[in-house]
Amino acid sequence: MDTEAANEAARKGTLGSTIQSILEDLKPEAAYFGDDKGERTAFLVVNLADASEIPRVAEPWFLAFNARVRFHFVMTPGDLAKVGPGIAEAVKKFG
């Protein structure tokens, strides 16, 4: 979160309630809060069914805290078990 935007929310007494409101809307599987390079940071695990859901996750943070948002896409063990054909095709074509 942008430090000044988050500081302003803290001064107004809305930092916690705004974060709570965003989390209630997003319903993340997990949420952790800490520091990344000196900035207040939220690490959320959110299941997205489609890439079109990215704005639903990012926009509240942009608008409320002028935040920078990064996405790291990951797989479950079940997802990983399905990747064999895609890897085999890549090896065949590029390997």
Protein backbone atom coordinates (compact mmCIF):
# COMPACT_ATOMS: atom_id res chain seq x y z
CA MET A 1 0.00 0.00 0.00
CA ASP A 2 1.18 3.49 -0.71
CA THR A 3 2.61 4.72 2.58
CA GLU A 4 1.01 8.16 2.48
CA ALA A 5 -2.41 6.84 1.43
CA ALA A 6 -2.33 4.21 4.18
CA ASN A 7 -1.08 6.79 6.71
CA GLU A 8 -3.98 9.08 5.79
CA ALA A 9 -6.45 6.22 6.28
CA ALA A 10 -4.82 5.46 9.64
CA ARG A 11 -5.12 9.11 10.68
CA LYS A 12 -8.80 9.14 9.71
CA GLY A 13 -9.35 5.87 11.58
CA THR A 14 -10.43 4.00 8.43
CA LEU A 15 -7.38 1.84 7.67
CA GLY A 16 -8.61 -1.27 9.46
CA SER A 17 -12.25 -0.96 8.46
CA THR A 18 -11.37 -0.40 4.80
CA ILE A 19 -9.10 -3.44 4.76
CA GLN A 20 -11.81 -5.47 6.48
CA SER A 21 -14.40 -4.35 3.92
CA ILE A 22 -12.15 -5.33 1.01
CA LEU A 23 -11.50 -8.74 2.57
CA GLU A 24 -15.22 -9.32 3.12
CA ASP A 25 -15.82 -8.69 -0.58
CA LEU A 26 -12.86 -10.75 -1.85
CA LYS A 27 -13.26 -13.66 0.57
CA PRO A 28 -9.62 -14.77 0.25
CA GLU A 29 -8.64 -18.31 1.20
CA ALA A 30 -5.88 -16.76 3.32
CA ALA A 31 -4.72 -13.24 4.17
CA TYR A 32 -1.42 -12.19 5.71
CA PHE A 33 -0.16 -8.71 6.43
CA GLY A 34 3.42 -7.55 6.73
CA ASP A 35 6.12 -5.51 5.09
CA ASP A 36 7.60 -5.59 1.59
CA LYS A 37 10.43 -3.15 0.95
CA GLY A 38 9.23 -0.79 3.67
CA GLU A 39 5.59 -0.67 2.60
CA ARG A 40 2.48 -2.03 4.30
CA THR A 41 1.66 -5.18 2.39
CA ALA A 42 -1.17 -7.67 2.12
CA PHE A 43 -0.49 -11.18 0.85
CA LEU A 44 -3.77 -12.76 -0.24
CA VAL A 45 -4.57 -16.21 -1.55
CA VAL A 46 -7.55 -15.76 -3.86
CA ASN A 47 -9.04 -18.39 -6.16
CA LEU A 48 -9.81 -16.84 -9.55
CA ALA A 49 -11.92 -18.82 -11.98
CA ASP A 50 -11.00 -16.51 -14.85
CA ALA A 51 -8.50 -13.75 -15.59
CA SER A 52 -11.42 -11.33 -15.96
CA GLU A 53 -11.67 -11.39 -12.14
CA ILE A 54 -8.31 -9.62 -11.75
CA PRO A 55 -9.87 -6.12 -11.61
CA ARG A 56 -12.31 -7.29 -8.92
CA VAL A 57 -9.29 -8.15 -6.77
CA ALA A 58 -7.00 -5.25 -7.68
CA GLU A 59 -9.28 -2.21 -7.99
CA PRO A 60 -10.30 -1.94 -4.31
CA TRP A 61 -6.61 -1.73 -3.31
CA PHE A 62 -5.83 0.78 -6.07
CA LEU A 63 -8.75 3.00 -5.14
CA ALA A 64 -8.49 2.80 -1.35
CA PHE A 65 -4.71 2.89 -0.91
CA ASN A 66 -3.10 3.79 -4.24
CA ALA A 67 -1.55 0.32 -3.91
CA ARG A 68 0.68 -1.56 -6.29
CA VAL A 69 -0.72 -5.03 -6.96
CA ARG A 70 1.17 -8.06 -8.20
CA PHE A 71 -0.31 -11.44 -9.06
CA HIS A 72 1.52 -14.75 -8.79
CA PHE A 73 -0.42 -17.57 -10.38
CA VAL A 74 0.04 -20.96 -8.76
CA MET A 75 -1.35 -24.49 -9.05
CA THR A 76 -2.73 -26.95 -6.56
CA PRO A 77 -1.35 -30.51 -6.55
CA GLY A 78 -4.47 -31.52 -8.54
CA ASP A 79 -3.75 -28.86 -11.15
CA LEU A 80 -0.13 -29.96 -11.33
CA ALA A 81 -1.19 -33.55 -11.99
CA LYS A 82 -2.93 -32.36 -15.19
CA VAL A 83 0.03 -30.56 -16.79
CA GLY A 84 1.78 -33.57 -18.32
CA PRO A 85 0.36 -33.21 -21.85
CA GLY A 86 1.20 -29.50 -22.01
CA ILE A 87 4.77 -30.10 -20.89
CA ALA A 88 5.14 -33.01 -23.32
CA GLU A 89 3.93 -30.78 -26.17
CA ALA A 90 6.40 -28.02 -25.21
CA VAL A 91 9.26 -30.54 -25.05
CA LYS A 92 8.27 -31.93 -28.46
CA LYS A 93 8.13 -28.47 -30.01
CA PHE A 94 10.92 -26.61 -28.21
CA GLY A 95 12.97 -29.27 -26.39
